[in-house]
Amino acid sequence: MFHCEFIENESEVEVMLNGTLDIQVKLKDTANQYRDLLHYKRVTMNFRGIEAVDATGLEYFLQVVDYLKDEKIDVKVVEVSNHLKEVFDILQFPKILGEQIYQVNY
């Protein structure tokens, strides 16, 4: 089951993502939570707690990132596990997001 926690710090927030990023996330309409992110200048999406992803979950995540970027919010993706890095590399996720957003060490 997916859940997230917001760790706030003045003009920025770190979103601790946990569980499985899949179609259930989209069906729960988690976007309502992300509207709260519009109050920040910088949002860091921390993937440390993500155990698995599917195509629908990644598509939804990209939509959220695009939404935040359109609102001129600086977005970063950090702490992706090694097994997810492999999946993301195959799907060219770092290239899609760009180096400014996808800040994962190899």
C-alpha atoms as a PDB file:
ATOM      1  CA  MET A   1       0.000   0.000   0.000  1.00  0.00           C
ATOM      2  CA  PHE A   2       1.271   3.470  -0.903  1.00  0.00           C
ATOM      3  CA  HIS A   3       1.516   6.358   1.512  1.00  0.00           C
ATOM      4  CA  CYS A   4       3.593   9.502   1.800  1.00  0.00           C
ATOM      5  CA  GLU A   5       4.719  11.835   4.524  1.00  0.00           C
ATOM      6  CA  PHE A   6       5.527  15.527   4.124  1.00  0.00           C
ATOM      7  CA  ILE A   7       8.558  16.889   5.996  1.00  0.00           C
ATOM      8  CA  GLU A   8       8.284  20.657   5.844  1.00  0.00           C
ATOM      9  CA  ASN A   9      11.073  23.209   6.137  1.00  0.00           C
ATOM     10  CA  GLU A  10      10.053  26.819   5.441  1.00  0.00           C
ATOM     11  CA  SER A  11       9.844  27.195   1.646  1.00  0.00           C
ATOM     12  CA  GLU A  12      10.589  23.552   0.843  1.00  0.00           C
ATOM     13  CA  VAL A  13       9.206  20.120   1.583  1.00  0.00           C
ATOM     14  CA  GLU A  14      10.510  16.572   1.313  1.00  0.00           C
ATOM     15  CA  VAL A  15       7.889  14.020   0.314  1.00  0.00           C
ATOM     16  CA  MET A  16       8.795  10.614   1.745  1.00  0.00           C
ATOM     17  CA  LEU A  17       7.237   8.080  -0.636  1.00  0.00           C
ATOM     18  CA  ASN A  18       6.558   4.615   0.789  1.00  0.00           C
ATOM     19  CA  GLY A  19       5.132   1.356  -0.493  1.00  0.00           C
ATOM     20  CA  THR A  20       4.242   0.490  -4.066  1.00  0.00           C
ATOM     21  CA  LEU A  21       3.830   3.176  -6.707  1.00  0.00           C
ATOM     22  CA  ASP A  22       1.171   1.563  -8.879  1.00  0.00           C
ATOM     23  CA  ILE A  23      -2.309   1.985 -10.331  1.00  0.00           C
ATOM     24  CA  GLN A  24      -3.801   2.075  -6.827  1.00  0.00           C
ATOM     25  CA  VAL A  25      -2.054   5.404  -6.217  1.00  0.00           C
ATOM     26  CA  LYS A  26      -3.801   6.922  -9.213  1.00  0.00           C
ATOM     27  CA  LEU A  27      -7.128   5.400  -8.255  1.00  0.00           C
ATOM     28  CA  LYS A  28      -6.892   6.904  -4.766  1.00  0.00           C
ATOM     29  CA  ASP A  29      -6.566  10.325  -6.401  1.00  0.00           C
ATOM     30  CA  THR A  30      -3.489  11.180  -4.420  1.00  0.00           C
ATOM     31  CA  ALA A  31      -3.233  14.373  -6.472  1.00  0.00           C
ATOM     32  CA  ASN A  32      -5.384  16.102  -3.905  1.00  0.00           C
ATOM     33  CA  GLN A  33      -2.485  15.737  -1.473  1.00  0.00           C
ATOM     34  CA  TYR A  34      -0.090  17.205  -3.996  1.00  0.00           C
ATOM     35  CA  ARG A  35      -2.086  20.407  -4.322  1.00  0.00           C
ATOM     36  CA  ASP A  36      -0.725  21.259  -0.871  1.00  0.00           C
ATOM     37  CA  LEU A  37       2.744  21.267  -2.463  1.00  0.00           C
ATOM     38  CA  LEU A  38       1.909  24.431  -4.376  1.00  0.00           C
ATOM     39  CA  HIS A  39       2.770  26.414  -1.242  1.00  0.00           C
ATOM     40  CA  TYR A  40       6.457  25.506  -1.559  1.00  0.00           C
ATOM     41  CA  LYS A  41       9.223  26.704  -3.846  1.00  0.00           C
ATOM     42  CA  ARG A  42      11.096  23.396  -3.723  1.00  0.00           C
ATOM     43  CA  VAL A  43       9.790  19.814  -3.500  1.00  0.00           C
ATOM     44  CA  THR A  44      12.053  16.798  -2.999  1.00  0.00           C
ATOM     45  CA  MET A  45      10.515  13.420  -3.820  1.00  0.00           C
ATOM     46  CA  ASN A  46      12.323  10.805  -1.732  1.00  0.00           C
ATOM     47  CA  PHE A  47      11.994   7.274  -3.158  1.00  0.00           C
ATOM     48  CA  ARG A  48      13.792   5.569  -0.244  1.00  0.00           C
ATOM     49  CA  GLY A  49      10.640   3.763   0.867  1.00  0.00           C
ATOM     50  CA  ILE A  50       9.361   2.734  -2.577  1.00  0.00           C
ATOM     51  CA  GLU A  51       9.491  -1.040  -2.907  1.00  0.00           C
ATOM     52  CA  ALA A  52       8.044  -1.459  -6.403  1.00  0.00           C
ATOM     53  CA  VAL A  53       6.569   0.494  -9.298  1.00  0.00           C
ATOM     54  CA  ASP A  54       4.423  -0.213 -12.325  1.00  0.00           C
ATOM     55  CA  ALA A  55       3.880   1.697 -15.540  1.00  0.00           C
ATOM     56  CA  THR A  56       0.688   3.379 -14.342  1.00  0.00           C
ATOM     57  CA  GLY A  57       2.341   4.516 -11.114  1.00  0.00           C
ATOM     58  CA  LEU A  58       5.297   5.985 -12.991  1.00  0.00           C
ATOM     59  CA  GLU A  59       3.010   7.696 -15.485  1.00  0.00           C
ATOM     60  CA  TYR A  60       1.031   9.223 -12.639  1.00  0.00           C
ATOM     61  CA  PHE A  61       4.227  10.321 -10.884  1.00  0.00           C
ATOM     62  CA  LEU A  62       5.411  12.027 -14.085  1.00  0.00           C
ATOM     63  CA  GLN A  63       2.079  13.840 -14.301  1.00  0.00           C
ATOM     64  CA  VAL A  64       2.537  15.140 -10.747  1.00  0.00           C
ATOM     65  CA  VAL A  65       6.101  16.281 -11.533  1.00  0.00           C
ATOM     66  CA  ASP A  66       4.911  18.021 -14.715  1.00  0.00           C
ATOM     67  CA  TYR A  67       2.106  19.695 -12.762  1.00  0.00           C
ATOM     68  CA  LEU A  68       4.581  21.027 -10.193  1.00  0.00           C
ATOM     69  CA  LYS A  69       7.017  22.174 -12.892  1.00  0.00           C
ATOM     70  CA  ASP A  70       4.205  24.003 -14.686  1.00  0.00           C
ATOM     71  CA  GLU A  71       3.573  25.823 -11.414  1.00  0.00           C
ATOM     72  CA  LYS A  72       7.268  26.892 -11.358  1.00  0.00           C
ATOM     73  CA  ILE A  73       8.143  24.648  -8.421  1.00  0.00           C
ATOM     74  CA  ASP A  74      11.652  23.190  -8.256  1.00  0.00           C
ATOM     75  CA  VAL A  75      11.325  19.383  -8.107  1.00  0.00           C
ATOM     76  CA  LYS A  76      14.000  16.829  -7.199  1.00  0.00           C
ATOM     77  CA  VAL A  77      13.950  13.005  -7.126  1.00  0.00           C
ATOM     78  CA  VAL A  78      16.376  11.447  -4.631  1.00  0.00           C
ATOM     79  CA  GLU A  79      17.303   8.180  -2.884  1.00  0.00           C
ATOM     80  CA  VAL A  80      16.144   5.650  -5.455  1.00  0.00           C
ATOM     81  CA  SER A  81      17.022   2.062  -4.505  1.00  0.00           C
ATOM     82  CA  ASN A  82      19.453   0.086  -6.672  1.00  0.00           C
ATOM     83  CA  HIS A  83      16.775  -2.231  -8.067  1.00  0.00           C
ATOM     84  CA  LEU A  84      14.556   0.721  -9.021  1.00  0.00           C
ATOM     85  CA  LYS A  85      17.532   2.508 -10.614  1.00  0.00           C
ATOM     86  CA  GLU A  86      17.831  -0.428 -13.005  1.00  0.00           C
ATOM     87  CA  VAL A  87      14.146  -0.175 -13.935  1.00  0.00           C
ATOM     88  CA  PHE A  88      14.345   3.606 -14.278  1.00  0.00           C
ATOM     89  CA  ASP A  89      17.422   3.332 -16.486  1.00  0.00           C
ATOM     90  CA  ILE A  90      15.701   0.849 -18.801  1.00  0.00           C
ATOM     91  CA  LEU A  91      12.708   3.179 -19.072  1.00  0.00           C
ATOM     92  CA  GLN A  92      15.013   6.195 -19.533  1.00  0.00           C
ATOM     93  CA  PHE A  93      13.405   7.837 -16.532  1.00  0.00           C
ATOM     94  CA  PRO A  94      16.517   9.976 -15.782  1.00  0.00           C
ATOM     95  CA  LYS A  95      16.481  11.297 -19.345  1.00  0.00           C
ATOM     96  CA  ILE A  96      12.735  11.991 -19.243  1.00  0.00           C
ATOM     97  CA  LEU A  97      12.985  13.920 -15.970  1.00  0.00           C
ATOM     98  CA  GLY A  98      16.332  15.558 -16.697  1.00  0.00           C
ATOM     99  CA  GLU A  99      19.457  15.855 -14.586  1.00  0.00           C
ATOM    100  CA  GLN A 100      18.159  18.823 -12.620  1.00  0.00           C
ATOM    101  CA  ILE A 101      15.269  16.748 -11.306  1.00  0.00           C
ATOM    102  CA  TYR A 102      16.678  13.213 -11.200  1.00  0.00           C
ATOM    103  CA  GLN A 103      19.487  13.643  -8.672  1.00  0.00           C
ATOM    104  CA  VAL A 104      20.303  10.034  -7.908  1.00  0.00           C
ATOM    105  CA  ASN A 105      23.874   8.912  -7.319  1.00  0.00           C
ATOM    106  CA  TYR A 106      25.176   5.852  -9.123  1.00  0.00           C
END
